[in-house]
Amino acid sequence: MKLLINDVKQLGERIRKARRAQGLTQEQLAAACGVGTRFVRELESGKESCHLGKSLRVIKMLGMDMSIEGYGNL
């Protein structure tokens, strides 16, 4: 399923839904990704300053993909 995400709040909501659908707590997800629980909590709440690399690690751990579409081959 492909979803358009327009802001970090929507990204956080999708991550939270995926985590819950897999029956994981924030603590379990954090441990599996090698990040802190606080990071997962802030990511799910849509904090704009969350580290992109760590965010991508969480997305991958949840079995999700992230892509960017734009103007041709730029």
Protein backbone atom coordinates (compact mmCIF):
# COMPACT_ATOMS: atom_id res chain seq x y z
CA MET A 1 0.00 0.00 0.00
CA LYS A 2 1.37 3.38 -1.01
CA LEU A 3 0.52 6.37 1.19
CA LEU A 4 1.34 10.01 0.64
CA ILE A 5 2.96 11.53 3.72
CA ASN A 6 2.99 15.31 3.87
CA ASP A 7 4.56 15.98 7.24
CA VAL A 8 6.37 14.38 10.18
CA LYS A 9 3.15 14.06 12.16
CA GLN A 10 1.69 11.75 9.49
CA LEU A 11 4.96 9.78 9.36
CA GLY A 12 4.84 9.31 13.12
CA GLU A 13 1.23 8.14 12.98
CA ARG A 14 2.08 5.51 10.32
CA ILE A 15 5.03 4.28 12.35
CA ARG A 16 2.88 4.01 15.47
CA LYS A 17 0.18 2.07 13.58
CA ALA A 18 2.76 -0.33 12.12
CA ARG A 19 4.37 -0.90 15.53
CA ARG A 20 1.03 -1.60 17.19
CA ALA A 21 -0.09 -3.86 14.34
CA GLN A 22 3.03 -5.96 15.00
CA GLY A 23 2.28 -6.09 18.72
CA LEU A 24 5.44 -4.23 19.71
CA THR A 25 5.84 -1.79 22.56
CA GLN A 26 7.89 1.35 22.08
CA GLU A 27 10.54 -0.22 24.29
CA GLN A 28 10.70 -3.39 22.19
CA LEU A 29 10.94 -1.44 18.95
CA ALA A 30 13.64 0.81 20.35
CA ALA A 31 15.72 -2.17 21.50
CA ALA A 32 15.34 -3.94 18.15
CA CYS A 33 16.48 -0.82 16.28
CA GLY A 34 19.28 0.17 18.62
CA VAL A 35 17.69 3.51 19.49
CA GLY A 36 16.30 4.90 22.72
CA THR A 37 12.69 4.67 23.80
CA ARG A 38 12.58 8.46 23.93
CA PHE A 39 13.53 8.59 20.25
CA VAL A 40 10.69 6.23 19.29
CA ARG A 41 8.25 8.23 21.40
CA GLU A 42 9.33 11.52 19.78
CA LEU A 43 9.29 10.01 16.27
CA GLU A 44 5.76 8.72 16.75
CA SER A 45 4.63 12.10 18.07
CA GLY A 46 5.95 13.86 14.96
CA LYS A 47 8.92 15.71 16.40
CA GLU A 48 10.46 17.56 13.47
CA SER A 49 14.06 17.31 14.63
CA CYS A 50 14.22 13.50 14.78
CA HIS A 51 17.39 12.10 13.21
CA LEU A 52 16.69 10.89 9.68
CA GLY A 53 19.10 7.94 9.82
CA LYS A 54 17.52 6.57 12.98
CA SER A 55 14.05 7.17 11.54
CA LEU A 56 14.93 5.14 8.46
CA ARG A 57 16.26 2.34 10.69
CA VAL A 58 12.91 2.21 12.52
CA ILE A 59 10.99 2.24 9.23
CA LYS A 60 13.08 -0.64 7.88
CA MET A 61 12.73 -2.65 11.11
CA LEU A 62 8.94 -2.38 10.83
CA GLY A 63 9.12 -3.80 7.30
CA MET A 64 8.12 -0.51 5.72
CA ASP A 65 9.71 1.25 2.74
CA MET A 66 10.18 4.94 2.11
CA SER A 67 10.52 6.49 -1.32
CA ILE A 68 10.75 9.95 -2.77
CA GLU A 69 9.20 10.97 -6.04
CA GLY A 70 9.95 14.17 -7.79
CA TYR A 71 10.85 15.80 -11.03
CA GLY A 72 12.20 13.21 -13.43
CA ASN A 73 15.74 12.02 -12.76
CA LEU A 74 16.90 14.90 -10.59
